[in-house]
Amino acid sequence: MLGKIVKGALALLPFIMEALKGFVAEVQLSDVYTFDDARYWFRERKDVKDSDDGIIAFTLFSERDGSKTIVIGLFNKKTNEVLDGEMIRTKRIDEKLTAIHSGNELVIYE
């Protein structure tokens, strides 16, 4: 699932942001959130992702006042709907996730 990382997927950002407005994501608190945590989350939902070629996996990163937030989810490009997602508030993200999101608020995983 995480074979190809598409950086700078800005064209999808407004659609995902709009879809998230109506989506209630579970909030998790974490001291450190890692790429492996994200990989595990995606792996647990592989059947959903693989059920339709219009479904993409994404992480959305924001940082405000030293607090970091990662939204991880599955988005259906055909229906502009978030199918599953989770919001993680964390003090720190690991080096790999930091590098992936360097200069990119939204990263799509294909």
C-alpha atoms as a PDB file:
ATOM      1  CA  MET A   1       0.000   0.000   0.000  1.00  0.00           C
ATOM      2  CA  LEU A   2       2.780   2.443   0.766  1.00  0.00           C
ATOM      3  CA  GLY A   3       4.855   1.669  -2.275  1.00  0.00           C
ATOM      4  CA  LYS A   4       4.692   5.069  -3.954  1.00  0.00           C
ATOM      5  CA  ILE A   5       4.464   8.336  -2.079  1.00  0.00           C
ATOM      6  CA  VAL A   6       3.018  11.193  -4.106  1.00  0.00           C
ATOM      7  CA  LYS A   7       4.291  14.452  -2.662  1.00  0.00           C
ATOM      8  CA  GLY A   8       2.658  17.780  -3.395  1.00  0.00           C
ATOM      9  CA  ALA A   9      -0.794  16.433  -4.102  1.00  0.00           C
ATOM     10  CA  LEU A  10      -2.227  19.905  -3.675  1.00  0.00           C
ATOM     11  CA  ALA A  11      -4.996  19.391  -6.214  1.00  0.00           C
ATOM     12  CA  LEU A  12      -6.725  17.007  -3.809  1.00  0.00           C
ATOM     13  CA  LEU A  13      -6.210  19.121  -0.683  1.00  0.00           C
ATOM     14  CA  PRO A  14      -9.405  21.212  -0.973  1.00  0.00           C
ATOM     15  CA  PHE A  15     -11.507  18.082  -1.558  1.00  0.00           C
ATOM     16  CA  ILE A  16     -10.016  16.258   1.406  1.00  0.00           C
ATOM     17  CA  MET A  17     -10.345  19.317   3.649  1.00  0.00           C
ATOM     18  CA  GLU A  18     -14.012  19.722   2.665  1.00  0.00           C
ATOM     19  CA  ALA A  19     -14.704  16.013   3.230  1.00  0.00           C
ATOM     20  CA  LEU A  20     -13.062  16.171   6.657  1.00  0.00           C
ATOM     21  CA  LYS A  21     -15.519  18.870   7.766  1.00  0.00           C
ATOM     22  CA  GLY A  22     -18.296  16.306   7.912  1.00  0.00           C
ATOM     23  CA  PHE A  23     -16.141  13.488   9.220  1.00  0.00           C
ATOM     24  CA  VAL A  24     -15.691  12.872  12.925  1.00  0.00           C
ATOM     25  CA  ALA A  25     -12.260  11.362  13.377  1.00  0.00           C
ATOM     26  CA  GLU A  26     -11.143   9.668  16.542  1.00  0.00           C
ATOM     27  CA  VAL A  27      -8.493  11.735  18.312  1.00  0.00           C
ATOM     28  CA  GLN A  28      -5.460   9.901  19.605  1.00  0.00           C
ATOM     29  CA  LEU A  29      -2.812  11.473  21.818  1.00  0.00           C
ATOM     30  CA  SER A  30       0.757  10.335  21.392  1.00  0.00           C
ATOM     31  CA  ASP A  31       4.204  11.399  22.568  1.00  0.00           C
ATOM     32  CA  VAL A  32       5.752  10.273  19.272  1.00  0.00           C
ATOM     33  CA  TYR A  33       3.997   9.289  16.037  1.00  0.00           C
ATOM     34  CA  THR A  34       6.041   7.324  13.536  1.00  0.00           C
ATOM     35  CA  PHE A  35       5.921   6.305   9.900  1.00  0.00           C
ATOM     36  CA  ASP A  36       5.577   2.722  11.136  1.00  0.00           C
ATOM     37  CA  ASP A  37       2.451   3.752  13.090  1.00  0.00           C
ATOM     38  CA  ALA A  38       0.988   5.147   9.863  1.00  0.00           C
ATOM     39  CA  ARG A  39       2.000   2.046   7.919  1.00  0.00           C
ATOM     40  CA  TYR A  40       0.275  -0.168  10.487  1.00  0.00           C
ATOM     41  CA  TRP A  41      -2.905   1.966  10.295  1.00  0.00           C
ATOM     42  CA  PHE A  42      -2.962   1.668   6.487  1.00  0.00           C
ATOM     43  CA  ARG A  43      -2.191  -2.066   6.577  1.00  0.00           C
ATOM     44  CA  GLU A  44      -5.184  -2.641   8.878  1.00  0.00           C
ATOM     45  CA  ARG A  45      -7.413  -1.007   6.214  1.00  0.00           C
ATOM     46  CA  LYS A  46      -5.820  -2.556   3.127  1.00  0.00           C
ATOM     47  CA  ASP A  47      -9.034  -4.360   2.095  1.00  0.00           C
ATOM     48  CA  VAL A  48     -10.957  -1.067   1.994  1.00  0.00           C
ATOM     49  CA  LYS A  49      -8.173   0.681   0.053  1.00  0.00           C
ATOM     50  CA  ASP A  50      -7.896  -2.160  -2.445  1.00  0.00           C
ATOM     51  CA  SER A  51     -11.671  -2.426  -2.979  1.00  0.00           C
ATOM     52  CA  ASP A  52     -11.773   0.565  -5.357  1.00  0.00           C
ATOM     53  CA  ASP A  53      -9.068   2.195  -7.482  1.00  0.00           C
ATOM     54  CA  GLY A  54     -10.541   5.596  -6.607  1.00  0.00           C
ATOM     55  CA  ILE A  55      -9.574   5.229  -2.946  1.00  0.00           C
ATOM     56  CA  ILE A  56      -6.321   6.839  -1.873  1.00  0.00           C
ATOM     57  CA  ALA A  57      -4.471   6.810   1.423  1.00  0.00           C
ATOM     58  CA  PHE A  58      -3.258  10.124   2.827  1.00  0.00           C
ATOM     59  CA  THR A  59      -1.644  11.887   5.733  1.00  0.00           C
ATOM     60  CA  LEU A  60      -2.261  15.549   6.425  1.00  0.00           C
ATOM     61  CA  PHE A  61       0.194  17.358   8.702  1.00  0.00           C
ATOM     62  CA  SER A  62      -0.167  20.613  10.592  1.00  0.00           C
ATOM     63  CA  GLU A  63       1.783  22.267  13.360  1.00  0.00           C
ATOM     64  CA  ARG A  64       0.574  25.027  15.619  1.00  0.00           C
ATOM     65  CA  ASP A  65       2.202  26.401  18.769  1.00  0.00           C
ATOM     66  CA  GLY A  66       4.550  23.419  19.004  1.00  0.00           C
ATOM     67  CA  SER A  67       1.694  20.912  18.827  1.00  0.00           C
ATOM     68  CA  LYS A  68       1.668  18.607  15.834  1.00  0.00           C
ATOM     69  CA  THR A  69      -1.412  17.038  14.289  1.00  0.00           C
ATOM     70  CA  ILE A  70      -1.483  14.211  11.777  1.00  0.00           C
ATOM     71  CA  VAL A  71      -4.732  13.248  10.090  1.00  0.00           C
ATOM     72  CA  ILE A  72      -4.456   9.832   8.519  1.00  0.00           C
ATOM     73  CA  GLY A  73      -7.176   8.520   6.282  1.00  0.00           C
ATOM     74  CA  LEU A  74      -8.695   6.928   3.228  1.00  0.00           C
ATOM     75  CA  PHE A  75     -10.342   9.224   0.681  1.00  0.00           C
ATOM     76  CA  ASN A  76     -12.547   8.229  -2.237  1.00  0.00           C
ATOM     77  CA  LYS A  77     -11.716  10.512  -5.182  1.00  0.00           C
ATOM     78  CA  LYS A  78     -14.897   9.495  -7.019  1.00  0.00           C
ATOM     79  CA  THR A  79     -17.287  10.502  -4.224  1.00  0.00           C
ATOM     80  CA  ASN A  80     -15.078  13.115  -2.470  1.00  0.00           C
ATOM     81  CA  GLU A  81     -15.671  11.277   0.779  1.00  0.00           C
ATOM     82  CA  VAL A  82     -13.358  10.359   3.654  1.00  0.00           C
ATOM     83  CA  LEU A  83     -14.097   6.683   4.282  1.00  0.00           C
ATOM     84  CA  ASP A  84     -12.009   6.257   7.400  1.00  0.00           C
ATOM     85  CA  GLY A  85      -9.678   8.476   9.321  1.00  0.00           C
ATOM     86  CA  GLU A  86      -8.033   9.306  12.569  1.00  0.00           C
ATOM     87  CA  MET A  87      -6.564  12.474  14.033  1.00  0.00           C
ATOM     88  CA  ILE A  88      -3.381  12.142  16.062  1.00  0.00           C
ATOM     89  CA  ARG A  89      -2.093  14.939  18.273  1.00  0.00           C
ATOM     90  CA  THR A  90       1.519  14.405  19.109  1.00  0.00           C
ATOM     91  CA  LYS A  91       4.525  16.145  20.572  1.00  0.00           C
ATOM     92  CA  ARG A  92       6.820  14.760  17.895  1.00  0.00           C
ATOM     93  CA  ILE A  93       6.843  12.832  14.619  1.00  0.00           C
ATOM     94  CA  ASP A  94       9.747  10.646  13.602  1.00  0.00           C
ATOM     95  CA  GLU A  95      12.414  11.552  11.031  1.00  0.00           C
ATOM     96  CA  LYS A  96      10.889   9.527   8.200  1.00  0.00           C
ATOM     97  CA  LEU A  97       7.430  11.108   8.525  1.00  0.00           C
ATOM     98  CA  THR A  98       9.062  14.524   8.940  1.00  0.00           C
ATOM     99  CA  ALA A  99      11.020  13.998   5.712  1.00  0.00           C
ATOM    100  CA  ILE A 100       7.929  12.817   3.829  1.00  0.00           C
ATOM    101  CA  HIS A 101       5.986  15.896   4.899  1.00  0.00           C
ATOM    102  CA  SER A 102       8.854  18.325   4.374  1.00  0.00           C
ATOM    103  CA  GLY A 103       7.250  21.135   2.372  1.00  0.00           C
ATOM    104  CA  ASN A 104       4.048  19.104   1.959  1.00  0.00           C
ATOM    105  CA  GLU A 105       0.995  19.502   4.142  1.00  0.00           C
ATOM    106  CA  LEU A 106      -0.703  16.630   2.290  1.00  0.00           C
ATOM    107  CA  VAL A 107       0.964  13.397   1.186  1.00  0.00           C
ATOM    108  CA  ILE A 108      -0.837  10.732  -0.859  1.00  0.00           C
ATOM    109  CA  TYR A 109       0.291   7.109  -0.657  1.00  0.00           C
ATOM    110  CA  GLU A 110      -0.366   4.853  -3.661  1.00  0.00           C
END
